[in-house]
């Protein structure tokens, strides 16, 4: 790995989780460490459940149904969760964990922070 790539992998970004990325076992499996996060919320989004069929994701999370969010027409809707500071390399690991039902976008959180989050694809 080149010096520039190594430095890019250490840059930090914010990741908002409302679901299984908050679980210790998912964090240890995906990132090799437990993350420290702060409570926050996505305003103007609503949450539902989706059935996961990927056996590796089910094994890691211990759950067949995972939460998923999508934009809402009601600005009063919000999805609560936690925001974590992670490296670019860890963000790539989160991308690998998430199944194709999700896509990663940037959102403005209630706190005013901008974070990556996985929403309905």
N, C-alpha and C. Protein backbone atom coordinates (compact mmCIF):
# COMPACT_ATOMS: atom_id res chain seq x y z
N UNK A 1 0.85 -1.18 0.00
CA UNK A 1 0.00 0.00 0.00
C UNK A 1 0.89 1.23 0.00
N UNK A 2 0.62 2.16 -0.88
CA UNK A 2 1.41 3.37 -0.96
C UNK A 2 1.11 4.33 0.19
N UNK A 3 2.01 5.29 0.38
CA UNK A 3 1.86 6.26 1.46
C UNK A 3 0.56 7.05 1.32
N UNK A 4 0.23 7.49 0.11
CA UNK A 4 -0.99 8.28 -0.10
C UNK A 4 -2.22 7.45 0.22
N UNK A 5 -2.24 6.18 -0.21
CA UNK A 5 -3.38 5.29 0.09
C UNK A 5 -3.48 5.08 1.59
N UNK A 6 -2.37 4.86 2.25
CA UNK A 6 -2.37 4.64 3.70
C UNK A 6 -2.94 5.86 4.41
N UNK A 7 -2.56 7.06 3.98
CA UNK A 7 -3.07 8.27 4.62
C UNK A 7 -4.56 8.42 4.35
N UNK A 8 -5.02 8.11 3.14
CA UNK A 8 -6.44 8.23 2.81
C UNK A 8 -7.26 7.27 3.66
N UNK A 9 -6.72 6.07 3.92
CA UNK A 9 -7.44 5.09 4.73
C UNK A 9 -7.58 5.54 6.18
N UNK A 10 -6.74 6.46 6.63
CA UNK A 10 -6.79 6.92 8.01
C UNK A 10 -7.63 8.19 8.18
N UNK A 11 -8.03 8.83 7.09
CA UNK A 11 -8.90 10.01 7.16
C UNK A 11 -10.20 9.56 7.82
N UNK A 12 -10.80 10.42 8.62
CA UNK A 12 -12.03 10.00 9.29
C UNK A 12 -13.25 10.68 8.68
N UNK A 13 -14.35 9.96 8.77
CA UNK A 13 -15.65 10.43 8.28
C UNK A 13 -16.68 10.08 9.35
N UNK A 14 -17.87 10.64 9.21
CA UNK A 14 -18.96 10.31 10.13
C UNK A 14 -19.89 9.31 9.47
N UNK A 15 -20.32 8.33 10.24
CA UNK A 15 -21.27 7.32 9.79
C UNK A 15 -22.42 7.28 10.79
N UNK A 16 -23.65 7.46 10.29
CA UNK A 16 -24.84 7.39 11.14
C UNK A 16 -25.44 6.00 11.01
N UNK A 17 -25.76 5.38 12.15
CA UNK A 17 -26.40 4.07 12.15
C UNK A 17 -27.67 4.12 12.97
N UNK A 18 -28.73 3.55 12.39
CA UNK A 18 -30.01 3.40 13.07
C UNK A 18 -30.32 1.92 13.28
N UNK A 19 -29.39 1.05 12.88
CA UNK A 19 -29.67 -0.38 12.90
C UNK A 19 -28.50 -1.21 13.36
N UNK A 20 -28.21 -2.27 12.59
CA UNK A 20 -27.30 -3.31 13.06
C UNK A 20 -25.84 -2.86 13.17
N UNK A 21 -25.44 -1.77 12.53
CA UNK A 21 -24.07 -1.29 12.69
C UNK A 21 -23.82 -0.74 14.10
N UNK A 22 -24.88 -0.66 14.92
CA UNK A 22 -24.72 -0.28 16.32
C UNK A 22 -24.39 -1.49 17.20
N UNK A 23 -24.57 -2.71 16.67
CA UNK A 23 -24.36 -3.93 17.46
C UNK A 23 -22.88 -4.24 17.62
N UNK A 24 -22.49 -4.60 18.85
CA UNK A 24 -21.08 -4.91 19.13
C UNK A 24 -20.55 -5.98 18.18
N UNK A 25 -21.33 -7.06 17.97
CA UNK A 25 -20.82 -8.16 17.15
C UNK A 25 -20.62 -7.74 15.70
N UNK A 26 -21.46 -6.83 15.19
CA UNK A 26 -21.31 -6.34 13.82
C UNK A 26 -20.09 -5.42 13.73
N UNK A 27 -19.90 -4.56 14.73
CA UNK A 27 -18.74 -3.67 14.74
C UNK A 27 -17.44 -4.48 14.82
N UNK A 28 -17.39 -5.47 15.70
CA UNK A 28 -16.17 -6.28 15.83
C UNK A 28 -15.88 -7.04 14.54
N UNK A 29 -16.91 -7.58 13.91
CA UNK A 29 -16.74 -8.33 12.66
C UNK A 29 -16.34 -7.42 11.51
N UNK A 30 -16.95 -6.25 11.42
CA UNK A 30 -16.70 -5.34 10.29
C UNK A 30 -15.46 -4.47 10.46
N UNK A 31 -15.22 -4.00 11.70
CA UNK A 31 -14.17 -3.01 11.92
C UNK A 31 -13.03 -3.51 12.82
N UNK A 32 -13.24 -4.64 13.48
CA UNK A 32 -12.22 -5.16 14.38
C UNK A 32 -12.10 -4.38 15.68
N UNK A 33 -13.09 -3.55 15.95
CA UNK A 33 -13.10 -2.75 17.19
C UNK A 33 -14.53 -2.31 17.48
N UNK A 34 -14.75 -1.85 18.72
CA UNK A 34 -16.04 -1.26 19.09
C UNK A 34 -15.96 0.24 18.85
N UNK A 35 -17.01 0.81 18.30
CA UNK A 35 -17.06 2.24 17.98
C UNK A 35 -17.69 3.00 19.14
N UNK A 36 -17.24 4.22 19.33
CA UNK A 36 -17.88 5.12 20.29
C UNK A 36 -18.72 6.10 19.50
N UNK A 37 -19.99 6.22 19.86
CA UNK A 37 -20.87 7.10 19.11
C UNK A 37 -21.69 8.00 19.99
N UNK A 38 -22.32 8.98 19.35
CA UNK A 38 -23.21 9.91 20.04
C UNK A 38 -24.61 9.78 19.44
N UNK A 39 -25.60 9.98 20.29
CA UNK A 39 -26.99 9.95 19.83
C UNK A 39 -27.23 11.10 18.86
N UNK A 40 -28.01 10.84 17.82
CA UNK A 40 -28.37 11.86 16.84
C UNK A 40 -29.62 11.35 16.11
N UNK A 41 -30.08 12.06 15.11
CA UNK A 41 -31.27 11.64 14.38
C UNK A 41 -31.25 12.18 12.96
N UNK A 42 -31.90 11.43 12.06
CA UNK A 42 -32.14 11.86 10.68
C UNK A 42 -33.54 12.45 10.63
N UNK A 43 -33.66 13.70 10.27
CA UNK A 43 -34.95 14.38 10.22
C UNK A 43 -35.52 14.23 8.81
N UNK A 44 -36.84 13.95 8.74
CA UNK A 44 -37.49 13.81 7.45
C UNK A 44 -37.34 12.43 6.83
N UNK A 45 -37.06 11.43 7.68
CA UNK A 45 -36.95 10.04 7.23
C UNK A 45 -37.85 9.17 8.10
N UNK A 46 -38.26 8.03 7.54
CA UNK A 46 -39.03 7.06 8.31
C UNK A 46 -38.36 5.69 8.18
N UNK A 47 -38.60 4.87 9.17
CA UNK A 47 -37.94 3.57 9.26
C UNK A 47 -38.94 2.43 9.10
N UNK A 48 -38.53 1.37 8.42
CA UNK A 48 -39.31 0.14 8.32
C UNK A 48 -38.33 -1.02 8.41
N UNK A 49 -38.80 -2.24 8.13
CA UNK A 49 -37.95 -3.42 8.17
C UNK A 49 -37.84 -4.05 6.80
N UNK A 50 -36.71 -4.70 6.56
CA UNK A 50 -36.48 -5.42 5.31
C UNK A 50 -35.93 -6.79 5.65
N UNK A 51 -36.34 -7.80 4.88
CA UNK A 51 -35.83 -9.15 5.12
C UNK A 51 -34.48 -9.31 4.42
N UNK A 52 -33.50 -9.77 5.18
CA UNK A 52 -32.15 -10.00 4.67
C UNK A 52 -32.03 -11.46 4.27
N UNK A 53 -31.43 -11.73 3.10
CA UNK A 53 -31.27 -13.11 2.65
C UNK A 53 -29.80 -13.54 2.60
N UNK A 54 -28.87 -12.60 2.76
CA UNK A 54 -27.44 -12.93 2.74
C UNK A 54 -27.08 -13.66 4.03
N UNK A 55 -26.67 -14.94 3.94
CA UNK A 55 -26.40 -15.73 5.15
C UNK A 55 -25.26 -15.17 6.00
N UNK A 56 -24.26 -14.55 5.38
CA UNK A 56 -23.15 -13.97 6.16
C UNK A 56 -23.64 -12.80 7.00
N UNK A 57 -24.48 -11.96 6.42
CA UNK A 57 -25.01 -10.80 7.16
C UNK A 57 -25.93 -11.27 8.29
N UNK A 58 -26.76 -12.27 8.02
CA UNK A 58 -27.65 -12.82 9.06
C UNK A 58 -26.81 -13.41 10.19
N UNK A 59 -25.76 -14.15 9.83
CA UNK A 59 -24.89 -14.77 10.85
C UNK A 59 -24.21 -13.69 11.71
N UNK A 60 -23.70 -12.65 11.05
CA UNK A 60 -23.00 -11.58 11.77
C UNK A 60 -23.94 -10.81 12.69
N UNK A 61 -25.12 -10.44 12.18
CA UNK A 61 -26.05 -9.61 12.95
C UNK A 61 -26.94 -10.42 13.89
N UNK A 62 -27.14 -11.71 13.56
CA UNK A 62 -28.06 -12.53 14.34
C UNK A 62 -29.52 -12.20 14.05
N UNK A 63 -29.76 -11.44 12.98
CA UNK A 63 -31.13 -11.00 12.68
C UNK A 63 -31.44 -11.21 11.19
N UNK A 64 -32.65 -11.69 10.90
CA UNK A 64 -33.10 -11.86 9.53
C UNK A 64 -33.77 -10.58 9.00
N UNK A 65 -34.39 -9.81 9.89
CA UNK A 65 -35.04 -8.56 9.49
C UNK A 65 -34.22 -7.39 10.04
N UNK A 66 -33.82 -6.48 9.14
CA UNK A 66 -33.02 -5.32 9.51
C UNK A 66 -33.83 -4.05 9.26
N UNK A 67 -33.59 -3.02 10.06
CA UNK A 67 -34.23 -1.73 9.78
C UNK A 67 -33.68 -1.13 8.49
N UNK A 68 -34.52 -0.37 7.83
CA UNK A 68 -34.11 0.37 6.63
C UNK A 68 -34.88 1.69 6.65
N UNK A 69 -34.28 2.74 6.11
CA UNK A 69 -34.95 4.05 6.12
C UNK A 69 -35.10 4.57 4.70
N UNK A 70 -36.07 5.47 4.57
CA UNK A 70 -36.26 6.19 3.31
C UNK A 70 -36.81 7.56 3.64
N UNK A 71 -36.63 8.48 2.70
CA UNK A 71 -37.12 9.85 2.90
C UNK A 71 -38.63 9.82 3.08
N UNK A 72 -39.11 10.74 3.90
CA UNK A 72 -40.53 10.84 4.20
C UNK A 72 -41.05 12.18 3.70
N UNK A 73 -42.35 12.21 3.40
CA UNK A 73 -42.98 13.48 3.03
C UNK A 73 -43.27 14.34 4.25
N UNK A 74 -43.14 13.75 5.44
CA UNK A 74 -43.46 14.45 6.68
C UNK A 74 -42.18 14.94 7.35
N UNK A 75 -41.93 16.26 7.38
CA UNK A 75 -40.71 16.78 8.00
C UNK A 75 -40.65 16.50 9.50
N UNK A 76 -41.78 16.11 10.09
CA UNK A 76 -41.80 15.76 11.52
C UNK A 76 -41.28 14.36 11.80
N UNK A 77 -41.15 13.54 10.75
CA UNK A 77 -40.61 12.19 10.93
C UNK A 77 -39.12 12.28 11.23
N UNK A 78 -38.65 11.36 12.06
CA UNK A 78 -37.22 11.28 12.29
C UNK A 78 -36.84 9.85 12.68
N UNK A 79 -35.61 9.51 12.39
CA UNK A 79 -35.06 8.20 12.72
C UNK A 79 -33.90 8.44 13.67
N UNK A 80 -34.01 7.87 14.88
CA UNK A 80 -32.96 8.04 15.88
C UNK A 80 -31.90 6.96 15.71
N UNK A 81 -30.68 7.31 16.08
CA UNK A 81 -29.58 6.38 16.01
C UNK A 81 -28.34 6.97 16.64
N UNK A 82 -27.18 6.50 16.17
CA UNK A 82 -25.90 6.97 16.70
C UNK A 82 -24.99 7.34 15.55
N UNK A 83 -24.17 8.36 15.76
CA UNK A 83 -23.19 8.78 14.76
C UNK A 83 -21.80 8.40 15.28
N UNK A 84 -21.02 7.77 14.40
CA UNK A 84 -19.69 7.27 14.74
C UNK A 84 -18.65 7.93 13.84
N UNK A 85 -17.45 8.17 14.39
CA UNK A 85 -16.31 8.64 13.59
C UNK A 85 -15.50 7.41 13.23
N UNK A 86 -15.37 7.16 11.91
CA UNK A 86 -14.65 5.99 11.43
C UNK A 86 -13.66 6.41 10.33
N UNK A 87 -12.75 5.51 9.99
CA UNK A 87 -11.79 5.79 8.92
C UNK A 87 -12.41 5.46 7.56
N UNK A 88 -11.77 5.96 6.51
CA UNK A 88 -12.21 5.61 5.15
C UNK A 88 -12.17 4.09 4.94
N UNK A 89 -11.14 3.43 5.49
CA UNK A 89 -11.04 1.97 5.35
C UNK A 89 -12.22 1.30 6.05
N UNK A 90 -12.62 1.81 7.21
CA UNK A 90 -13.78 1.25 7.91
C UNK A 90 -15.08 1.51 7.15
N UNK A 91 -15.16 2.66 6.47
CA UNK A 91 -16.34 2.94 5.65
C UNK A 91 -16.44 1.92 4.51
N UNK A 92 -15.31 1.56 3.92
CA UNK A 92 -15.32 0.52 2.88
C UNK A 92 -15.78 -0.82 3.47
N UNK A 93 -15.37 -1.11 4.71
CA UNK A 93 -15.81 -2.35 5.38
C UNK A 93 -17.32 -2.32 5.62
N UNK A 94 -17.86 -1.15 5.97
CA UNK A 94 -19.31 -1.02 6.15
C UNK A 94 -20.03 -1.24 4.82
N UNK A 95 -19.45 -0.72 3.73
CA UNK A 95 -20.03 -0.94 2.39
C UNK A 95 -20.11 -2.44 2.09
N UNK A 96 -19.07 -3.18 2.47
CA UNK A 96 -19.04 -4.63 2.21
C UNK A 96 -20.07 -5.36 3.06
N UNK A 97 -20.35 -4.88 4.26
CA UNK A 97 -21.32 -5.50 5.15
C UNK A 97 -22.75 -5.32 4.62
N UNK A 98 -23.06 -4.14 4.13
CA UNK A 98 -24.43 -3.83 3.71
C UNK A 98 -24.78 -4.58 2.42
N UNK A 99 -26.02 -5.05 2.33
CA UNK A 99 -26.49 -5.76 1.15
C UNK A 99 -27.00 -4.77 0.11
N UNK A 100 -27.32 -5.26 -1.09
CA UNK A 100 -27.66 -4.39 -2.22
C UNK A 100 -29.00 -3.66 -2.05
N UNK A 101 -29.77 -4.01 -1.01
CA UNK A 101 -31.02 -3.28 -0.74
C UNK A 101 -30.74 -1.87 -0.22
N UNK A 102 -29.49 -1.62 0.19
CA UNK A 102 -29.09 -0.34 0.76
C UNK A 102 -28.16 0.40 -0.17
N UNK A 103 -28.22 1.72 -0.12
CA UNK A 103 -27.23 2.56 -0.78
C UNK A 103 -26.75 3.57 0.25
N UNK A 104 -25.53 4.04 0.08
CA UNK A 104 -24.94 4.99 1.03
C UNK A 104 -25.07 6.40 0.47
N UNK A 105 -25.62 7.30 1.30
CA UNK A 105 -25.76 8.71 0.94
C UNK A 105 -25.29 9.56 2.12
N UNK A 106 -25.07 10.84 1.85
CA UNK A 106 -24.76 11.77 2.93
C UNK A 106 -26.05 12.48 3.34
N UNK A 107 -26.23 12.64 4.66
CA UNK A 107 -27.41 13.34 5.17
C UNK A 107 -26.99 14.36 6.23
N UNK A 108 -27.83 15.37 6.38
CA UNK A 108 -27.67 16.36 7.44
C UNK A 108 -28.44 15.84 8.65
N UNK A 109 -27.75 15.67 9.76
CA UNK A 109 -28.38 15.16 10.98
C UNK A 109 -28.95 16.31 11.81
N UNK A 110 -29.79 15.97 12.78
CA UNK A 110 -30.41 16.98 13.65
C UNK A 110 -29.34 17.86 14.31
N UNK A 111 -28.18 17.27 14.65
CA UNK A 111 -27.10 18.00 15.32
C UNK A 111 -26.43 19.02 14.42
N UNK A 112 -26.68 18.94 13.10
CA UNK A 112 -26.00 19.81 12.15
C UNK A 112 -24.81 19.13 11.48
N UNK A 113 -24.43 17.95 11.95
CA UNK A 113 -23.35 17.19 11.33
C UNK A 113 -23.83 16.56 10.03
N UNK A 114 -22.91 16.39 9.10
CA UNK A 114 -23.19 15.66 7.86
C UNK A 114 -22.52 14.31 7.99
N UNK A 115 -23.28 13.25 7.75
CA UNK A 115 -22.76 11.89 7.93
C UNK A 115 -23.22 10.99 6.80
N UNK A 116 -22.45 9.95 6.55
CA UNK A 116 -22.88 8.88 5.65
C UNK A 116 -23.93 8.04 6.36
N UNK A 117 -24.88 7.52 5.58
CA UNK A 117 -25.91 6.63 6.13
C UNK A 117 -26.36 5.71 5.01
N UNK A 118 -26.83 4.52 5.38
CA UNK A 118 -27.36 3.58 4.40
C UNK A 118 -28.88 3.67 4.41
N UNK A 119 -29.46 3.91 3.23
CA UNK A 119 -30.90 4.06 3.07
C UNK A 119 -31.37 3.05 2.02
N UNK A 120 -32.69 2.97 1.85
CA UNK A 120 -33.26 2.05 0.85
C UNK A 120 -32.72 2.41 -0.54
N UNK A 121 -32.22 1.41 -1.25
CA UNK A 121 -31.64 1.62 -2.59
C UNK A 121 -32.75 1.89 -3.61
